[in-house]
PDB file of N, CA and C in Angstrom:
ATOM      1  N   MET A   1       0.898  -1.216  -0.039  1.00  0.00           N
ATOM      2  CA  MET A   1       0.033  -0.014  -0.039  1.00  0.00           C
ATOM      3  C   MET A   1       0.862   1.274   0.035  1.00  0.00           C
ATOM      4  N   ASN A   2       0.708   2.127  -0.932  1.00  0.00           N
ATOM      5  CA  ASN A   2       1.559   3.326  -1.025  1.00  0.00           C
ATOM      6  C   ASN A   2       0.976   4.460  -0.174  1.00  0.00           C
ATOM      7  N   ILE A   3       1.727   5.527  -0.150  1.00  0.00           N
ATOM      8  CA  ILE A   3       1.346   6.686   0.805  1.00  0.00           C
ATOM      9  C   ILE A   3      -0.020   7.346   0.359  1.00  0.00           C
ATOM     10  N   LEU A   4      -0.347   7.416  -0.889  1.00  0.00           N
ATOM     11  CA  LEU A   4      -1.562   7.999  -1.359  1.00  0.00           C
ATOM     12  C   LEU A   4      -2.732   7.069  -0.937  1.00  0.00           C
ATOM     13  N   ASN A   5      -2.634   5.853  -1.027  1.00  0.00           N
ATOM     14  CA  ASN A   5      -3.642   4.871  -0.588  1.00  0.00           C
ATOM     15  C   ASN A   5      -3.953   5.058   0.961  1.00  0.00           C
ATOM     16  N   ILE A   6      -2.784   5.068   1.683  1.00  0.00           N
ATOM     17  CA  ILE A   6      -2.923   5.238   3.150  1.00  0.00           C
ATOM     18  C   ILE A   6      -3.580   6.534   3.422  1.00  0.00           C
ATOM     19  N   ALA A   7      -3.161   7.666   2.773  1.00  0.00           N
ATOM     20  CA  ALA A   7      -3.760   8.963   3.026  1.00  0.00           C
ATOM     21  C   ALA A   7      -5.241   8.942   2.690  1.00  0.00           C
ATOM     22  N   ALA A   8      -5.631   8.341   1.597  1.00  0.00           N
ATOM     23  CA  ALA A   8      -7.023   8.273   1.206  1.00  0.00           C
ATOM     24  C   ALA A   8      -7.838   7.455   2.199  1.00  0.00           C
ATOM     25  N   LEU A   9      -7.285   6.322   2.686  1.00  0.00           N
ATOM     26  CA  LEU A   9      -7.953   5.564   3.750  1.00  0.00           C
ATOM     27  C   LEU A   9      -8.114   6.332   4.952  1.00  0.00           C
ATOM     28  N   TYR A  10      -7.090   7.034   5.482  1.00  0.00           N
ATOM     29  CA  TYR A  10      -7.142   7.833   6.648  1.00  0.00           C
ATOM     30  C   TYR A  10      -8.251   8.944   6.539  1.00  0.00           C
ATOM     31  N   LEU A  11      -8.187   9.679   5.371  1.00  0.00           N
ATOM     32  CA  LEU A  11      -9.183  10.745   5.193  1.00  0.00           C
ATOM     33  C   LEU A  11     -10.593  10.249   5.107  1.00  0.00           C
ATOM     34  N   THR A  12     -10.741   9.098   4.560  1.00  0.00           N
ATOM     35  CA  THR A  12     -12.146   8.454   4.492  1.00  0.00           C
ATOM     36  C   THR A  12     -12.584   8.154   5.832  1.00  0.00           C
ATOM     37  N   LEU A  13     -11.729   7.551   6.727  1.00  0.00           N
ATOM     38  CA  LEU A  13     -12.121   7.124   8.089  1.00  0.00           C
ATOM     39  C   LEU A  13     -12.349   8.377   8.940  1.00  0.00           C
ATOM     40  N   ILE A  14     -11.504   9.295   8.867  1.00  0.00           N
ATOM     41  CA  ILE A  14     -11.604  10.461   9.813  1.00  0.00           C
ATOM     42  C   ILE A  14     -12.898  11.332   9.348  1.00  0.00           C
ATOM     43  N   ASN A  15     -13.212  11.343   8.056  1.00  0.00           N
ATOM     44  CA  ASN A  15     -14.386  12.085   7.680  1.00  0.00           C
ATOM     45  C   ASN A  15     -15.648  11.330   8.003  1.00  0.00           C
ATOM     46  N   ILE A  16     -15.735  10.014   7.981  1.00  0.00           N
ATOM     47  CA  ILE A  16     -16.792   9.294   8.491  1.00  0.00           C
ATOM     48  C   ILE A  16     -17.013   9.468   9.957  1.00  0.00           C
ATOM     49  N   THR A  17     -15.835   9.532  10.660  1.00  0.00           N
ATOM     50  CA  THR A  17     -15.923   9.813  12.136  1.00  0.00           C
ATOM     51  C   THR A  17     -16.400  11.142  12.389  1.00  0.00           C
ATOM     52  N   GLY A  18     -16.007  12.261  11.637  1.00  0.00           N
ATOM     53  CA  GLY A  18     -16.490  13.541  11.822  1.00  0.00           C
ATOM     54  C   GLY A  18     -18.027  13.631  11.631  1.00  0.00           C
ATOM     55  N   PHE A  19     -18.448  12.967  10.617  1.00  0.00           N
ATOM     56  CA  PHE A  19     -19.912  12.981  10.239  1.00  0.00           C
ATOM     57  C   PHE A  19     -20.711  12.264  11.347  1.00  0.00           C
ATOM     58  N   ALA A  20     -20.183  11.097  11.802  1.00  0.00           N
ATOM     59  CA  ALA A  20     -20.877  10.344  12.780  1.00  0.00           C
ATOM     60  C   ALA A  20     -20.868  10.935  14.167  1.00  0.00           C
ATOM     61  N   VAL A  21     -19.864  11.644  14.546  1.00  0.00           N
ATOM     62  CA  VAL A  21     -19.812  12.401  15.810  1.00  0.00           C
ATOM     63  C   VAL A  21     -20.776  13.498  15.811  1.00  0.00           C
ATOM     64  N   MET A  22     -20.943  14.253  14.704  1.00  0.00           N
ATOM     65  CA  MET A  22     -21.924  15.258  14.603  1.00  0.00           C
ATOM     66  C   MET A  22     -23.332  14.682  14.800  1.00  0.00           C
ATOM     67  N   GLY A  23     -23.607  13.563  14.247  1.00  0.00           N
ATOM     68  CA  GLY A  23     -24.898  12.875  14.356  1.00  0.00           C
ATOM     69  C   GLY A  23     -25.208  12.493  15.802  1.00  0.00           C
ATOM     70  N   ILE A  24     -24.108  11.857  16.379  1.00  0.00           N
ATOM     71  CA  ILE A  24     -24.143  11.431  17.804  1.00  0.00           C
ATOM     72  C   ILE A  24     -24.474  12.603  18.706  1.00  0.00           C
ATOM     73  N   ASP A  25     -23.646  13.723  18.531  1.00  0.00           N
ATOM     74  CA  ASP A  25     -23.838  14.852  19.380  1.00  0.00           C
ATOM     75  C   ASP A  25     -25.265  15.441  19.227  1.00  0.00           C
ATOM     76  N   LYS A  26     -25.768  15.499  17.983  1.00  0.00           N
ATOM     77  CA  LYS A  26     -27.108  16.006  17.838  1.00  0.00           C
ATOM     78  C   LYS A  26     -28.173  15.230  18.503  1.00  0.00           C
ATOM     79  N   ARG A  27     -27.998  13.838  18.427  1.00  0.00           N
ATOM     80  CA  ARG A  27     -28.931  12.989  19.168  1.00  0.00           C
ATOM     81  C   ARG A  27     -28.912  13.194  20.657  1.00  0.00           C
ATOM     82  N   LYS A  28     -27.646  13.330  21.134  1.00  0.00           N
ATOM     83  CA  LYS A  28     -27.488  13.622  22.587  1.00  0.00           C
ATOM     84  C   LYS A  28     -28.108  14.958  23.003  1.00  0.00           C
ATOM     85  N   ALA A  29     -27.970  15.908  22.085  1.00  0.00           N
ATOM     86  CA  ALA A  29     -28.600  17.207  22.418  1.00  0.00           C
ATOM     87  C   ALA A  29     -30.081  17.169  22.513  1.00  0.00           C
ATOM     88  N   VAL A  30     -30.669  16.454  21.567  1.00  0.00           N
ATOM     89  CA  VAL A  30     -32.108  16.244  21.539  1.00  0.00           C
ATOM     90  C   VAL A  30     -32.634  15.616  22.780  1.00  0.00           C
ATOM     91  N   LYS A  31     -31.858  14.642  23.294  1.00  0.00           N
ATOM     92  CA  LYS A  31     -32.321  13.793  24.436  1.00  0.00           C
ATOM     93  C   LYS A  31     -31.787  14.394  25.723  1.00  0.00           C
ATOM     94  N   HIS A  32     -31.167  15.569  25.663  1.00  0.00           N
ATOM     95  CA  HIS A  32     -30.678  16.315  26.842  1.00  0.00           C
ATOM     96  C   HIS A  32     -29.679  15.420  27.581  1.00  0.00           C
ATOM     97  N   ARG A  33     -28.757  14.763  26.952  1.00  0.00           N
ATOM     98  CA  ARG A  33     -27.758  13.925  27.562  1.00  0.00           C
ATOM     99  C   ARG A  33     -26.381  14.573  27.475  1.00  0.00           C
ATOM    100  N   TRP A  34     -25.399  13.985  28.142  1.00  0.00           N
ATOM    101  CA  TRP A  34     -24.053  14.433  28.089  1.00  0.00           C
ATOM    102  C   TRP A  34     -23.605  14.545  26.654  1.00  0.00           C
ATOM    103  N   ARG A  35     -22.892  15.608  26.325  1.00  0.00           N
ATOM    104  CA  ARG A  35     -22.541  16.015  24.998  1.00  0.00           C
ATOM    105  C   ARG A  35     -21.132  15.858  24.697  1.00  0.00           C
ATOM    106  N   VAL A  36     -20.757  15.840  23.404  1.00  0.00           N
ATOM    107  CA  VAL A  36     -19.419  15.822  22.958  1.00  0.00           C
ATOM    108  C   VAL A  36     -18.893  17.238  23.032  1.00  0.00           C
ATOM    109  N   ARG A  37     -17.671  17.315  23.563  1.00  0.00           N
ATOM    110  CA  ARG A  37     -17.096  18.703  23.667  1.00  0.00           C
ATOM    111  C   ARG A  37     -16.975  19.386  22.330  1.00  0.00           C
ATOM    112  N   GLU A  38     -17.173  20.694  22.227  1.00  0.00           N
ATOM    113  CA  GLU A  38     -16.971  21.406  21.014  1.00  0.00           C
ATOM    114  C   GLU A  38     -15.518  21.328  20.602  1.00  0.00           C
ATOM    115  N   SER A  39     -14.567  21.374  21.514  1.00  0.00           N
ATOM    116  CA  SER A  39     -13.146  21.175  21.242  1.00  0.00           C
ATOM    117  C   SER A  39     -12.856  19.850  20.481  1.00  0.00           C
ATOM    118  N   THR A  40     -13.510  18.821  20.956  1.00  0.00           N
ATOM    119  CA  THR A  40     -13.490  17.542  20.171  1.00  0.00           C
ATOM    120  C   THR A  40     -13.947  17.585  18.761  1.00  0.00           C
ATOM    121  N   LEU A  41     -15.119  18.260  18.586  1.00  0.00           N
ATOM    122  CA  LEU A  41     -15.608  18.379  17.251  1.00  0.00           C
ATOM    123  C   LEU A  41     -14.670  19.156  16.379  1.00  0.00           C
ATOM    124  N   PHE A  42     -14.080  20.250  16.849  1.00  0.00           N
ATOM    125  CA  PHE A  42     -13.065  20.934  16.092  1.00  0.00           C
ATOM    126  C   PHE A  42     -11.839  20.133  15.848  1.00  0.00           C
ATOM    127  N   LEU A  43     -11.380  19.372  16.835  1.00  0.00           N
ATOM    128  CA  LEU A  43     -10.141  18.603  16.713  1.00  0.00           C
ATOM    129  C   LEU A  43     -10.382  17.583  15.550  1.00  0.00           C
ATOM    130  N   ILE A  44     -11.502  16.893  15.516  1.00  0.00           N
ATOM    131  CA  ILE A  44     -11.747  15.922  14.417  1.00  0.00           C
ATOM    132  C   ILE A  44     -11.619  16.686  13.069  1.00  0.00           C
ATOM    133  N   ALA A  45     -12.198  17.852  12.952  1.00  0.00           N
ATOM    134  CA  ALA A  45     -12.102  18.607  11.706  1.00  0.00           C
ATOM    135  C   ALA A  45     -10.689  18.957  11.417  1.00  0.00           C
ATOM    136  N   LEU A  46      -9.941  19.376  12.419  1.00  0.00           N
ATOM    137  CA  LEU A  46      -8.486  19.818  12.251  1.00  0.00           C
ATOM    138  C   LEU A  46      -7.607  18.703  11.785  1.00  0.00           C
ATOM    139  N   ILE A  47      -7.904  17.413  12.264  1.00  0.00           N
ATOM    140  CA  ILE A  47      -6.961  16.331  11.878  1.00  0.00           C
ATOM    141  C   ILE A  47      -7.423  15.674  10.567  1.00  0.00           C
ATOM    142  N   GLY A  48      -8.331  16.341   9.867  1.00  0.00           N
ATOM    143  CA  GLY A  48      -8.714  15.859   8.545  1.00  0.00           C
ATOM    144  C   GLY A  48     -10.226  15.569   8.230  1.00  0.00           C
ATOM    145  N   GLY A  49     -10.996  15.724   9.294  1.00  0.00           N
ATOM    146  CA  GLY A  49     -12.400  15.427   9.142  1.00  0.00           C
ATOM    147  C   GLY A  49     -13.252  16.529   8.859  1.00  0.00           C
ATOM    148  N   SER A  50     -12.816  17.565   8.247  1.00  0.00           N
ATOM    149  CA  SER A  50     -13.589  18.818   8.066  1.00  0.00           C
ATOM    150  C   SER A  50     -14.765  18.557   7.092  1.00  0.00           C
ATOM    151  N   VAL A  51     -14.560  17.795   6.044  1.00  0.00           N
ATOM    152  CA  VAL A  51     -15.650  17.603   5.110  1.00  0.00           C
ATOM    153  C   VAL A  51     -16.773  16.799   5.773  1.00  0.00           C
ATOM    154  N   GLY A  52     -16.408  15.746   6.422  1.00  0.00           N
ATOM    155  CA  GLY A  52     -17.446  14.938   7.182  1.00  0.00           C
ATOM    156  C   GLY A  52     -18.185  15.800   8.202  1.00  0.00           C
ATOM    157  N   SER A  53     -17.364  16.593   8.935  1.00  0.00           N
ATOM    158  CA  SER A  53     -17.972  17.440  10.011  1.00  0.00           C
ATOM    159  C   SER A  53     -18.935  18.464   9.367  1.00  0.00           C
ATOM    160  N   ILE A  54     -18.565  19.100   8.339  1.00  0.00           N
ATOM    161  CA  ILE A  54     -19.483  20.026   7.582  1.00  0.00           C
ATOM    162  C   ILE A  54     -20.748  19.388   7.129  1.00  0.00           C
ATOM    163  N   LEU A  55     -20.542  18.156   6.487  1.00  0.00           N
ATOM    164  CA  LEU A  55     -21.730  17.418   5.991  1.00  0.00           C
ATOM    165  C   LEU A  55     -22.626  17.070   7.195  1.00  0.00           C
ATOM    166  N   GLY A  56     -22.017  16.647   8.297  1.00  0.00           N
ATOM    167  CA  GLY A  56     -22.827  16.303   9.486  1.00  0.00           C
ATOM    168  C   GLY A  56     -23.543  17.508  10.076  1.00  0.00           C
ATOM    169  N   MET A  57     -22.947  18.747  10.039  1.00  0.00           N
ATOM    170  CA  MET A  57     -23.607  19.894  10.397  1.00  0.00           C
ATOM    171  C   MET A  57     -24.783  20.125   9.648  1.00  0.00           C
ATOM    172  N   ARG A  58     -24.671  20.094   8.312  1.00  0.00           N
ATOM    173  CA  ARG A  58     -25.729  20.380   7.390  1.00  0.00           C
ATOM    174  C   ARG A  58     -26.895  19.314   7.423  1.00  0.00           C
ATOM    175  N   ILE A  59     -26.518  18.116   7.402  1.00  0.00           N
ATOM    176  CA  ILE A  59     -27.545  17.030   7.375  1.00  0.00           C
ATOM    177  C   ILE A  59     -28.241  16.921   8.694  1.00  0.00           C
ATOM    178  N   PHE A  60     -27.520  16.999   9.799  1.00  0.00           N
ATOM    179  CA  PHE A  60     -28.235  16.848  11.090  1.00  0.00           C
ATOM    180  C   PHE A  60     -28.712  18.199  11.619  1.00  0.00           C
ATOM    181  N   HIS A  61     -28.483  19.291  10.914  1.00  0.00           N
ATOM    182  CA  HIS A  61     -28.808  20.562  11.371  1.00  0.00           C
ATOM    183  C   HIS A  61     -28.310  20.842  12.797  1.00  0.00           C
ATOM    184  N   HIS A  62     -26.973  20.580  12.934  1.00  0.00           N
ATOM    185  CA  HIS A  62     -26.351  20.613  14.216  1.00  0.00           C
ATOM    186  C   HIS A  62     -25.274  21.699  14.278  1.00  0.00           C
ATOM    187  N   LYS A  63     -25.230  22.529  15.238  1.00  0.00           N
ATOM    188  CA  LYS A  63     -24.211  23.634  15.435  1.00  0.00           C
ATOM    189  C   LYS A  63     -24.361  24.722  14.331  1.00  0.00           C
ATOM    190  N   THR A  64     -25.465  24.708  13.656  1.00  0.00           N
ATOM    191  CA  THR A  64     -25.626  25.712  12.501  1.00  0.00           C
ATOM    192  C   THR A  64     -25.974  27.059  13.026  1.00  0.00           C
ATOM    193  N   ARG A  65     -26.262  27.233  14.323  1.00  0.00           N
ATOM    194  CA  ARG A  65     -26.497  28.550  14.887  1.00  0.00           C
ATOM    195  C   ARG A  65     -25.326  29.158  15.604  1.00  0.00           C
ATOM    196  N   HIS A  66     -24.227  28.477  15.641  1.00  0.00           N
ATOM    197  CA  HIS A  66     -23.086  28.938  16.252  1.00  0.00           C
ATOM    198  C   HIS A  66     -22.110  29.470  15.207  1.00  0.00           C
ATOM    199  N   TRP A  67     -21.777  30.763  15.213  1.00  0.00           N
ATOM    200  CA  TRP A  67     -20.977  31.380  14.201  1.00  0.00           C
ATOM    201  C   TRP A  67     -19.602  30.715  14.047  1.00  0.00           C
ATOM    202  N   TYR A  68     -19.051  30.304  15.228  1.00  0.00           N
ATOM    203  CA  TYR A  68     -17.684  29.813  15.161  1.00  0.00           C
ATOM    204  C   TYR A  68     -17.647  28.393  14.527  1.00  0.00           C
ATOM    205  N   PHE A  69     -18.783  27.660  14.424  1.00  0.00           N
ATOM    206  CA  PHE A  69     -18.934  26.482  13.605  1.00  0.00           C
ATOM    207  C   PHE A  69     -19.186  26.784  12.205  1.00  0.00           C
ATOM    208  N   VAL A  70     -20.136  27.744  11.983  1.00  0.00           N
ATOM    209  CA  VAL A  70     -20.550  28.074  10.610  1.00  0.00           C
ATOM    210  C   VAL A  70     -19.441  28.514   9.763  1.00  0.00           C
ATOM    211  N   TYR A  71     -18.561  29.394  10.467  1.00  0.00           N
ATOM    212  CA  TYR A  71     -17.402  29.995   9.722  1.00  0.00           C
ATOM    213  C   TYR A  71     -16.117  29.144  10.022  1.00  0.00           C
ATOM    214  N   GLY A  72     -16.002  28.544  11.201  1.00  0.00           N
ATOM    215  CA  GLY A  72     -14.805  27.836  11.555  1.00  0.00           C
ATOM    216  C   GLY A  72     -14.565  26.586  10.746  1.00  0.00           C
ATOM    217  N   MET A  73     -15.576  25.786  10.555  1.00  0.00           N
ATOM    218  CA  MET A  73     -15.404  24.495   9.844  1.00  0.00           C
ATOM    219  C   MET A  73     -15.063  24.761   8.428  1.00  0.00           C
ATOM    220  N   PRO A  74     -15.693  25.582   7.649  1.00  0.00           N
ATOM    221  CA  PRO A  74     -15.267  25.880   6.306  1.00  0.00           C
ATOM    222  C   PRO A  74     -13.889  26.487   6.216  1.00  0.00           C
ATOM    223  N   LEU A  75     -13.545  27.343   7.202  1.00  0.00           N
ATOM    224  CA  LEU A  75     -12.135  27.833   7.258  1.00  0.00           C
ATOM    225  C   LEU A  75     -11.120  26.773   7.401  1.00  0.00           C
ATOM    226  N   ILE A  76     -11.412  25.828   8.287  1.00  0.00           N
ATOM    227  CA  ILE A  76     -10.452  24.733   8.433  1.00  0.00           C
ATOM    228  C   ILE A  76     -10.379  23.995   7.128  1.00  0.00           C
ATOM    229  N   LEU A  77     -11.424  23.770   6.442  1.00  0.00           N
ATOM    230  CA  LEU A  77     -11.374  23.096   5.171  1.00  0.00           C
ATOM    231  C   LEU A  77     -10.556  23.828   4.164  1.00  0.00           C
ATOM    232  N   ILE A  78     -10.792  25.086   4.037  1.00  0.00           N
ATOM    233  CA  ILE A  78      -9.999  25.931   3.100  1.00  0.00           C
ATOM    234  C   ILE A  78      -8.498  25.843   3.397  1.00  0.00           C
ATOM    235  N   LEU A  79      -8.189  25.992   4.702  1.00  0.00           N
ATOM    236  CA  LEU A  79      -6.700  25.879   5.029  1.00  0.00           C
ATOM    237  C   LEU A  79      -6.166  24.521   4.706  1.00  0.00           C
ATOM    238  N   GLN A  80      -6.935  23.442   4.932  1.00  0.00           N
ATOM    239  CA  GLN A  80      -6.443  22.126   4.607  1.00  0.00           C
ATOM    240  C   GLN A  80      -6.232  21.912   3.115  1.00  0.00           C
ATOM    241  N   ILE A  81      -7.171  22.530   2.278  1.00  0.00           N
ATOM    242  CA  ILE A  81      -6.981  22.452   0.863  1.00  0.00           C
ATOM    243  C   ILE A  81      -5.657  23.229   0.411  1.00  0.00           C
ATOM    244  N   LEU A  82      -5.566  24.461   1.025  1.00  0.00           N
ATOM    245  CA  LEU A  82      -4.368  25.258   0.649  1.00  0.00           C
ATOM    246  C   LEU A  82      -3.062  24.418   1.079  1.00  0.00           C
ATOM    247  N   LEU A  83      -3.111  23.836   2.244  1.00  0.00           N
ATOM    248  CA  LEU A  83      -1.938  23.111   2.601  1.00  0.00           C
ATOM    249  C   LEU A  83      -1.699  21.878   1.703  1.00  0.00           C
ATOM    250  N   ALA A  84      -2.736  21.190   1.264  1.00  0.00           N
ATOM    251  CA  ALA A  84      -2.610  20.053   0.354  1.00  0.00           C
ATOM    252  C   ALA A  84      -1.979  20.547  -1.049  1.00  0.00           C
ATOM    253  N   VAL A  85      -2.478  21.641  -1.513  1.00  0.00           N
ATOM    254  CA  VAL A  85      -2.000  22.188  -2.740  1.00  0.00           C
ATOM    255  C   VAL A  85      -0.456  22.531  -2.611  1.00  0.00           C
ATOM    256  N   LEU A  86      -0.132  23.181  -1.491  1.00  0.00           N
ATOM    257  CA  LEU A  86       1.291  23.545  -1.273  1.00  0.00           C
ATOM    258  C   LEU A  86       2.130  22.293  -1.158  1.00  0.00           C
ATOM    259  N   ILE A  87       1.715  21.307  -0.446  1.00  0.00           N
ATOM    260  CA  ILE A  87       2.510  20.007  -0.320  1.00  0.00           C
ATOM    261  C   ILE A  87       2.593  19.441  -1.707  1.00  0.00           C
ATOM    262  N   LEU A  88       1.553  19.353  -2.511  1.00  0.00           N
ATOM    263  CA  LEU A  88       1.595  18.666  -3.835  1.00  0.00           C
ATOM    264  C   LEU A  88       2.488  19.426  -4.759  1.00  0.00           C
ATOM    265  N   LYS A  89       2.534  20.715  -4.677  1.00  0.00           N
ATOM    266  CA  LYS A  89       3.405  21.563  -5.576  1.00  0.00           C
ATOM    267  C   LYS A  89       4.809  21.373  -5.241  1.00  0.00           C
ATOM    268  N   ARG A  90       5.190  21.151  -3.955  1.00  0.00           N
ATOM    269  CA  ARG A  90       6.581  20.982  -3.539  1.00  0.00           C
ATOM    270  C   ARG A  90       7.049  19.545  -3.797  1.00  0.00           C
ATOM    271  N   GLY A  91       6.138  18.577  -3.631  1.00  0.00           N
ATOM    272  CA  GLY A  91       6.544  17.211  -3.774  1.00  0.00           C
ATOM    273  C   GLY A  91       6.425  16.636  -5.114  1.00  0.00           C
TER     274      GLY A  91
END
């Protein structure tokens, strides 16, 4: 397995995780249960799960009233894309 396959597998898994955690946190919010920390939601996005997290926000209508999620998640994604372009141009 080469580095691109490993990276694709990692990104797939971390984005599925980001999506799932948004759904889990939404369900917990509706049931007034103990919640996932916002820092954990952002950490998942920062380590590569931004697409899944954004999709989870939109599909589950979760954290869409918090400006720091509405603007923060897409900003993380933009920075990740810029970083990927920079890495690909250098390598």
